[in-house]
Amino acid sequence: MPDIPSELDSLVAGAPSGRRGFIVTSLGAGFALAAQPIMAQQLITTNSAGLIAGEVRIPVADGTIPAYRAAPAGKKHAPVVIVISEIWGVHEHIADVTRRLAKLGYFAVAPELFARQGDPRKIEGIPQLLRDIVAKVPDQQVFGDLDATVAWAASEQADTRRLGVIGFCWGGRQVWMYCTRNPKVKAGVAWYGRLRDNVSANQPRHPLDWADSLTVPVLGLYGGKDQGIPQTDVEEMNKRLKAAGQPSYIRVYPDAGHAFNADYRPSYRKAEAEDAWQQMLEWLRRYGVK
């Protein structure tokens, strides 16, 4: 188990500090430009009837970050699910995911973890988005913001003793990483997050490095035809998890590619996404996030 740094330690050298360092101050609406084209006819939309839903601000070590929160109206002490976004940030799809979870009784919150580095929703090209924003986000900063999100949820009378974390793509990687850091998480679900990548100052280690010491049960949901995540990495991760006696494992959908749950994009695969969603809910329930 790695040492757990303090929230202040998460502000590594080079990251903006002070309230003026935050570039994203509100979430806006709609879909990220780089996520186009949008397949509107396939889009799952979840209304906010019976929910408290909308943008909130979460105090962090050096200011506040925006987030989208959805929770059952009038229900205190609901179990908590933190939703970690794709590289697009907290746009309409991620907001909708939180509402889906809230309809099931969860206090769901999606923090904007790119707030200091830039607004991913406004960048049209994926290479620019990865270079100018995503690569500049230190893992330690993410951990600190997730810790702050948990603390904020507790202050809102949600039950963080029943805490789950889910994430998609970039957020899927962060699920694996955060579940090596915070033993208070009951369960994690990583949707097609990279398991191995280039080492950098901001991302010095990756999920495969922690497979032997993972203490939080994590379910991975991956596509067998994902062009960005080699199946050899998936197989190695499963092998290491099994050798370590971990309950965690990766479930592979052979005919699915990357982002198969992204119901607003051409990559969406309805059958696999619906099955994976049910697998996720069962995993959360199995480990006490219910």
Foldseek 3Di string as FASTA:
>chain_A
DDAFDALVPLQDPPFDAAPVLFADDAADADFAQQQDDWPVVLDDAADQVQKDWDKDWFDGPGGIFIKIKIAGPPDFAAFEEEEEEALQFDYDVNSRVRRVVRVVGYTYMYTRQQRRQYHSSHDNHPVCSCVRTVVPRALSNVLRVVVRVLVVCVVVRYNLLLYEYEYAACSLFNQLVNQLRDVSHLEYEREAYEADDDADPRRNDTNLVCLLRRDHAYEYEAELAAPVHDVVSLVSSQVNNVVSVHPHHYDYDHHAYGPCLVSGHPSHDVVSNVVVVVVVVVRSVVRRND
